[in-house]
Structure formats: structure tokens, C-alpha cells
């Protein structure tokens, strides 16, 4: 067995240092350009480029998934303007005030006396008229405002008009009374109108 060290590389460097360095340079050029290196043809640059292409595709896919997943949080991602926040608060206050008034109407009606039923219907009618005004419906009287809406626009509008006519009889005709059953039906007519406006669930 020959254990003598191989000094060919050292001798090559001593005899021709520029040629030796040139050979190393050619090796790395070959490595990155894909020319034949030691009997194998490959390109380190090409491998790295392909790896980055694969990573780019993966990142794009992850971005698309994250984008669609975030759509359900869109209201939270877009900051509201101060005036939008103010309108939102005002709307919630109005909705709560409406529900409180409607609960009070039902509470009064639950007493069951003729006078209580009369007050409940009058209050429910006033609540409906206030709702029409907030919708921007123009008219000299509530009946005028109701007639501005067709049954095609609101299916409950005819029921509201009938209820309003009974309310007028209660107010303008002394001695006019209604039964508990009739009062319950009238309140259901008002409730149907409020539900169609999404004021009640």
C-alpha cells in the first residue's frame, strides 16, 4: 500500500498559481451555469431558482387562503369614521327607545280594562306614526303618510291603516269601546308593521 501523500494539487499551485486559481474559478462558474462538472451536468443556480419558485407558489396560495378567510372579519378590519360611529350609536339608542315604548304598550294592554286597551292602542298608533316620519314619509296626517305606501311595498300597510281607523274611532267617538280580542288583533296589526320594518324580531 502506498501511503505517500499526493502533492499534485500543491505542485500545481506552486508551478502555476494563476492557472490553479483560474481552474477553481471555472469550477464555480461551471457549477452555477450548468456546464459539465466532474461528469455531471447540473446548475446550482437553477436548483436555487426552482426552490424559490416553489416557495413563491406556496406563499401565493397561503396568501389567497388567508385573504378569503379574513373576509368575514372585514367590518373589523376597516376602521369606522367618527360620524359612522356616531350614527351607529344613535341608531342603537333609537332602537332601544322603540323597544322600551313597545314593551310599555304591551304592559298597559295586559291590564285588560277598556281604558288601558284604549291607551295601549293610541300609544301603538303614535309609535307607528313616529316610525313613518323617521322613514321620511311625507303627509299632513298619519293617514296621508300611510297612503303614500302601497301594499306592494309593504304587505302590512293595509292592516296598519285599518288599525289607525279604529284608533280614530276610539279618540273621536265618545263611548266607542272594543273587546279584548279585538284589541289583541289590533296590536298584532301594529306588531306586523313593526316587524316588517325590522324594528321588532
Foldseek 3Di string as FASTA:
>chain_A
DDPDDDCPLVVCCVVCVPVSVVVVVVQVVQQQVQHQHPNDGDHPVVVVVVVVVVVVVVVVVVVVVVVVVCPVVVVVVDDDDPVVVVVVVVVVVVLVVLVVLLVVLVVLLVVFDQVSLLVSLLSLLVSVQVVLVVVVQDDPDSLRSLVVDDCVRPVLSVLSNVSVVVNCCSVPPPPDTDHSVVSVSNSVSSVSVCVSVVSDD
